Each structure stands twice: as C-alpha cells, then as structure tokens.
Amino acid sequence: MQIVNNVSVILASMSQDYIDISIALLSALAAGSLIGLERTYHGRPAGFRTHALVCLASALLMVVAVYQLQWFDQGPQEIIRIEPTRMAQGIMTGIGFLGAGVIFKEKLTVRGLTTAASIWITASIGILYGVGFFFPALMGTVAILGVLAGFRWFERRIPSQFFFEFSVRYPKDKVPTLKEVLTILKDHGFTASAVSFRLVAAGTQFQYETVIRSNNLPAAQKLSADLLKLPDVEEFNVLPMGD
C-alpha cells in the first residue's frame, strides 16, 4: 500500500510539473506572438513568427534547466550540473547573432535597431516565462507592447530633429559654389554638416554630399520640389535617416 501511495504522489507531482511547463510555454508563445504582431504590422522583416519562435525557444531552454530532475536519471544530486542562470546567459549571448542579422546599414542610414532590440527583449521575456516568473513576465510583455506601439505615437509628437542623407549633382561646367548650395539648404530650414565633394559620371558631373537636419519634416518635400525646378541639377537625393 505504501508503494502505491508513493507512486501516486510521484505521478501527481509529475502531472503538476507538466501543467506548469505547459502554462509557461503557452504564455511565452502568446507573448512573443503579440510582440511580433506589432513588428509585422509595421512591415519589419523579423515579425510575428520570428518573435514567437524566439520567445518560445528561450522558454524551452529555461524549462530544460529548471525541470532537470524530469529528464535526468534519478541519481545522486551531484550529477545535476545545469545552472539556470548560465542557461539564461547562453540564450542572451546567442540571441545577439539573430539580432545582428536584422540590422543593416545603407550608406549613412542604419535600420533595424528597434527590431533587434525587440528580439533581444523578447528572449528575456521567454526566459522569465520559462522559469515560471509570471508577474515580471506579464509586466514586461505589457511594457514592451507599450513601448513599441504607444511610444511610437508619443515619439511623433515630441519636438525632434529629422536627419536626411542629401546629395546633389551638377554638370562639371555649371557647378555652384558650396556657399550657394548651403544657402539653398538654409532657406529651406536645413543645417548641413561634413560636406563631401565627388567627381562622378566619368568626370562629367560634380556631386555635393552631406547630412542635413531640420525640425520640420515637410521641409524635405519642399526642398525636393524646388530642386526639380533648377535646370542645372542633374540628380539629387533626399533620404530620411533613422530606424
């Protein structure tokens, strides 16, 4: 009878562990999916499925560390060598490679930083769900969604400077002075810095290239419209810089 009771206790304990593991994994999957939906909605390459998998993978690895006794042979306690904090460190180190993959640089513009940060923090949320630390995990999920969605609205309404990669080309024999080009930019509310000079198109055209900034976003459209009217402008580029 004692043996039967012991077996019943073990089975009940295992069943409870399986329930806890299921809750942890499903919670991580739900949190990662919600964060990924926000990224997908805004057209980011790492979106719904990527964030869901990152969060679920982190939770799975932490479950492996937390519930070691479920898959180790029931032997001496000394054989248990996996420390959950080390597993967490390994997850966060490995996730850096995935985060780096969504960051790309195009000339002077760097994009994907916010998506990389969301992948990194999604992994940390998965770790919390994996160890069953649900309160900070839930609070973190809400905070992440608030930052990605709510802060976007707030960010658009706070005073800020807008940066653009600017270049303009002229025929070699009709190149205005740098002062004249800077005057055009200043008249449109832009400030330029670190102007570079290039001879392009097999030496037939001259190009000014710089980074310009303004507090007025529509100023870029007006600048483009006015450059279109100038007969000596062969080519120009006004490219927004940001994540």
Protein backbone atom coordinates (compact mmCIF):
# COMPACT_ATOMS: atom_id res chain seq x y z
CA MET A 1 0.00 0.00 0.00
CA GLN A 2 2.86 2.35 0.83
CA ILE A 3 4.39 1.71 -2.59
CA VAL A 4 1.10 2.54 -4.29
CA ASN A 5 0.82 5.76 -2.32
CA ASN A 6 4.37 6.74 -3.24
CA VAL A 7 3.71 6.08 -6.93
CA SER A 8 0.52 8.16 -6.76
CA VAL A 9 2.41 11.05 -5.19
CA ILE A 10 5.11 10.90 -7.86
CA LEU A 11 2.56 10.79 -10.69
CA ALA A 12 0.63 13.70 -9.17
CA SER A 13 3.85 15.70 -8.86
CA MET A 14 4.80 14.95 -12.45
CA SER A 15 1.34 15.90 -13.67
CA GLN A 16 1.60 19.24 -11.87
CA ASP A 17 5.03 19.83 -13.40
CA TYR A 18 3.66 19.12 -16.85
CA ILE A 19 0.82 21.58 -16.27
CA ASP A 20 3.29 24.24 -15.11
CA ILE A 21 5.52 23.59 -18.13
CA SER A 22 2.56 23.85 -20.49
CA ILE A 23 1.46 27.14 -18.95
CA ALA A 24 4.99 28.53 -19.20
CA LEU A 25 5.43 27.56 -22.86
CA LEU A 26 1.98 28.73 -23.95
CA SER A 27 2.45 32.03 -22.11
CA ALA A 28 5.80 32.57 -23.82
CA LEU A 29 4.29 31.73 -27.20
CA ALA A 30 1.43 34.19 -26.65
CA ALA A 31 3.75 36.98 -25.50
CA GLY A 32 6.16 36.52 -28.39
CA SER A 33 3.29 36.43 -30.86
CA LEU A 34 1.82 39.69 -29.57
CA ILE A 35 5.18 41.46 -29.81
CA GLY A 36 5.75 40.01 -33.27
CA LEU A 37 2.34 41.17 -34.47
CA GLU A 38 3.33 44.77 -33.77
CA ARG A 39 6.53 44.33 -35.77
CA THR A 40 4.67 42.65 -38.64
CA TYR A 41 2.08 45.42 -38.73
CA HIS A 42 4.84 47.95 -39.32
CA GLY A 43 6.42 45.89 -42.08
CA ARG A 44 9.53 44.71 -40.26
CA PRO A 45 11.32 41.62 -41.64
CA ALA A 46 11.50 39.97 -38.21
CA GLY A 47 7.84 39.84 -37.30
CA PHE A 48 5.15 37.52 -35.97
CA ARG A 49 6.76 34.12 -36.43
CA THR A 50 10.29 35.25 -35.58
CA HIS A 51 9.35 36.78 -32.22
CA ALA A 52 7.05 33.88 -31.36
CA LEU A 53 9.85 31.38 -32.01
CA VAL A 54 12.45 33.43 -30.11
CA CYS A 55 10.25 33.69 -27.02
CA LEU A 56 9.22 30.03 -27.17
CA ALA A 57 12.81 28.84 -27.69
CA SER A 58 14.01 30.84 -24.69
CA ALA A 59 11.24 29.38 -22.55
CA LEU A 60 12.01 25.85 -23.73
CA LEU A 61 15.68 26.15 -22.85
CA MET A 62 14.87 27.53 -19.41
CA VAL A 63 12.36 24.72 -18.82
CA VAL A 64 15.17 22.27 -19.57
CA ALA A 65 17.29 23.90 -16.85
CA VAL A 66 14.54 24.39 -14.26
CA TYR A 67 13.00 20.91 -14.59
CA GLN A 68 16.25 18.96 -14.75
CA LEU A 69 15.02 16.20 -12.47
CA GLN A 70 12.36 15.30 -15.01
CA TRP A 71 14.86 14.24 -17.65
CA PHE A 72 17.94 13.28 -15.58
CA ASP A 73 18.10 9.76 -14.20
CA GLN A 74 17.11 9.71 -10.58
CA GLY A 75 20.66 9.50 -9.29
CA PRO A 76 22.81 11.37 -6.78
CA GLN A 77 22.16 15.09 -6.54
CA GLU A 78 25.76 15.76 -7.53
CA ILE A 79 25.10 14.86 -11.17
CA ILE A 80 22.83 17.89 -11.58
CA ARG A 81 25.19 20.41 -13.18
CA ILE A 82 22.96 22.74 -15.25
CA GLU A 83 22.54 26.11 -13.57
CA PRO A 84 19.53 28.12 -14.83
CA THR A 85 21.41 31.44 -14.72
CA ARG A 86 24.09 30.04 -17.01
CA MET A 87 21.44 28.85 -19.42
CA ALA A 88 19.99 32.37 -19.44
CA GLN A 89 23.42 33.84 -20.18
CA GLY A 90 23.85 31.43 -23.08
CA ILE A 91 20.45 32.36 -24.51
CA MET A 92 21.15 36.09 -24.37
CA THR A 93 24.57 35.61 -25.94
CA GLY A 94 23.22 33.50 -28.78
CA ILE A 95 20.31 35.83 -29.49
CA GLY A 96 22.83 38.54 -30.36
CA PHE A 97 23.57 36.78 -33.66
CA LEU A 98 19.90 36.87 -34.62
CA GLY A 99 19.59 40.50 -33.60
CA ALA A 100 22.62 41.45 -35.67
CA GLY A 101 21.02 39.85 -38.71
CA VAL A 102 18.14 42.36 -38.78
CA ILE A 103 20.40 45.41 -38.55
CA PHE A 104 21.60 46.72 -41.88
CA LYS A 105 23.43 49.83 -42.99
CA GLU A 106 22.69 51.63 -46.21
CA LYS A 107 25.28 54.37 -46.74
CA LEU A 108 24.77 56.68 -43.74
CA THR A 109 21.47 55.14 -42.64
CA VAL A 110 21.25 52.35 -40.07
CA ARG A 111 17.96 50.44 -39.87
CA GLY A 112 16.63 47.57 -37.80
CA LEU A 113 17.87 48.68 -34.39
CA THR A 114 14.41 48.69 -32.82
CA THR A 115 13.62 45.25 -34.26
CA ALA A 116 16.92 43.90 -32.95
CA ALA A 117 16.13 45.31 -29.51
CA SER A 118 12.64 43.76 -29.61
CA ILE A 119 14.13 40.35 -30.44
CA TRP A 120 16.61 40.67 -27.58
CA ILE A 121 13.99 41.65 -25.01
CA THR A 122 11.56 39.01 -26.32
CA ALA A 123 14.21 36.40 -25.49
CA SER A 124 14.40 37.77 -21.95
CA ILE A 125 10.61 37.55 -21.65
CA GLY A 126 10.80 33.92 -22.77
CA ILE A 127 13.35 33.23 -20.03
CA LEU A 128 11.01 34.65 -17.39
CA TYR A 129 8.09 32.55 -18.63
CA GLY A 130 10.35 29.51 -18.80
CA VAL A 131 11.29 29.71 -15.13
CA GLY A 132 7.69 30.44 -14.15
CA PHE A 133 8.30 34.03 -13.01
CA PHE A 134 4.97 35.14 -14.40
CA PHE A 135 4.40 38.52 -12.77
CA PRO A 136 7.51 40.27 -14.18
CA ALA A 137 6.99 38.37 -17.44
CA LEU A 138 3.46 39.72 -17.82
CA MET A 139 4.53 43.21 -16.79
CA GLY A 140 7.41 43.04 -19.25
CA THR A 141 5.13 41.93 -22.08
CA VAL A 142 2.76 44.83 -21.45
CA ALA A 143 5.67 47.26 -21.20
CA ILE A 144 7.22 46.04 -24.47
CA LEU A 145 3.94 46.41 -26.33
CA GLY A 146 3.53 49.85 -24.79
CA VAL A 147 6.98 50.94 -25.92
CA LEU A 148 6.63 49.59 -29.46
CA ALA A 149 3.07 50.82 -30.04
CA GLY A 150 2.37 53.63 -27.58
CA PHE A 151 5.77 55.28 -27.66
CA ARG A 152 5.55 55.47 -31.47
CA TRP A 153 2.55 57.79 -31.08
CA PHE A 154 4.33 59.80 -28.40
CA GLU A 155 7.59 59.97 -30.37
CA ARG A 156 5.85 61.54 -33.35
CA ARG A 157 4.53 64.35 -31.18
CA ILE A 158 7.59 65.39 -29.24
CA PRO A 159 9.88 68.05 -30.72
CA SER A 160 12.75 66.42 -32.56
CA GLN A 161 15.18 66.90 -35.40
CA PHE A 162 14.86 64.99 -38.65
CA PHE A 163 18.02 63.86 -40.43
CA PHE A 164 18.41 63.22 -44.15
CA GLU A 165 21.20 61.97 -46.35
CA PHE A 166 21.47 64.66 -49.03
CA SER A 167 23.35 64.69 -52.32
CA VAL A 168 23.06 66.82 -55.45
CA ARG A 169 24.84 66.63 -58.81
CA TYR A 170 25.62 69.34 -61.33
CA PRO A 171 27.31 69.39 -64.75
CA LYS A 172 31.03 69.88 -64.33
CA ASP A 173 30.97 73.27 -66.05
CA LYS A 174 27.93 74.57 -64.09
CA VAL A 175 28.81 73.76 -60.51
CA PRO A 176 27.61 76.34 -57.96
CA THR A 177 29.82 77.22 -55.03
CA LEU A 178 29.44 75.44 -51.71
CA LYS A 179 28.13 78.66 -50.22
CA GLU A 180 25.32 78.76 -52.79
CA VAL A 181 24.33 75.16 -52.06
CA LEU A 182 24.35 75.79 -48.30
CA THR A 183 22.22 78.88 -48.84
CA ILE A 184 19.60 76.79 -50.65
CA LEU A 185 19.54 74.36 -47.74
CA LYS A 186 19.40 77.16 -45.17
CA ASP A 187 16.49 78.83 -46.98
CA HIS A 188 14.55 75.57 -46.57
CA GLY A 189 15.35 75.33 -42.87
CA PHE A 190 18.19 72.79 -43.08
CA THR A 191 21.59 72.74 -41.45
CA ALA A 192 24.38 70.78 -43.15
CA SER A 193 27.48 69.17 -41.68
CA ALA A 194 30.61 67.47 -43.06
CA VAL A 195 30.10 68.20 -46.77
CA SER A 196 31.98 65.91 -49.14
CA PHE A 197 32.84 66.51 -52.80
CA ARG A 198 32.93 63.96 -55.61
CA LEU A 199 33.61 63.94 -59.32
CA VAL A 200 31.31 61.32 -60.85
CA ALA A 201 29.93 60.05 -64.18
CA ALA A 202 33.38 59.68 -65.74
CA GLY A 203 34.34 63.18 -64.69
CA THR A 204 31.36 64.91 -66.31
CA GLN A 205 29.43 65.70 -63.11
CA PHE A 206 30.25 67.13 -59.69
CA GLN A 207 28.44 66.00 -56.54
CA TYR A 208 27.95 67.53 -53.12
CA GLU A 209 27.06 65.06 -50.38
CA THR A 210 26.23 65.72 -46.74
CA VAL A 211 23.87 65.03 -43.85
CA ILE A 212 21.21 67.69 -43.30
CA ARG A 213 18.84 68.20 -40.38
CA SER A 214 15.71 70.19 -39.72
CA ASN A 215 12.94 70.48 -37.15
CA ASN A 216 10.36 70.49 -39.92
CA LEU A 217 9.70 67.17 -41.69
CA PRO A 218 7.72 68.63 -44.66
CA ALA A 219 10.73 70.81 -45.45
CA ALA A 220 12.29 67.83 -47.24
CA GLN A 221 9.40 67.66 -49.68
CA LYS A 222 9.61 71.39 -50.40
CA LEU A 223 13.37 71.13 -50.92
CA SER A 224 12.87 68.32 -53.41
CA ALA A 225 10.19 70.27 -55.28
CA ASP A 226 12.42 73.34 -55.59
CA LEU A 227 15.44 71.29 -56.72
CA LEU A 228 13.31 69.84 -59.51
CA LYS A 229 12.82 73.36 -60.85
CA LEU A 230 16.54 74.13 -61.09
CA PRO A 231 17.75 73.46 -64.66
CA ASP A 232 21.38 72.79 -63.69
CA VAL A 233 20.58 69.99 -61.23
CA GLU A 234 21.32 66.64 -62.88
CA GLU A 235 20.40 64.45 -59.93
CA PHE A 236 19.61 64.76 -56.22
CA ASN A 237 18.79 62.53 -53.27
CA VAL A 238 16.99 63.34 -50.01
CA LEU A 239 16.94 60.12 -47.96
CA PRO A 240 15.48 60.00 -44.42
CA MET A 241 17.80 58.58 -41.79
CA GLY A 242 16.51 56.52 -38.90
CA ASP A 243 15.41 53.11 -37.70
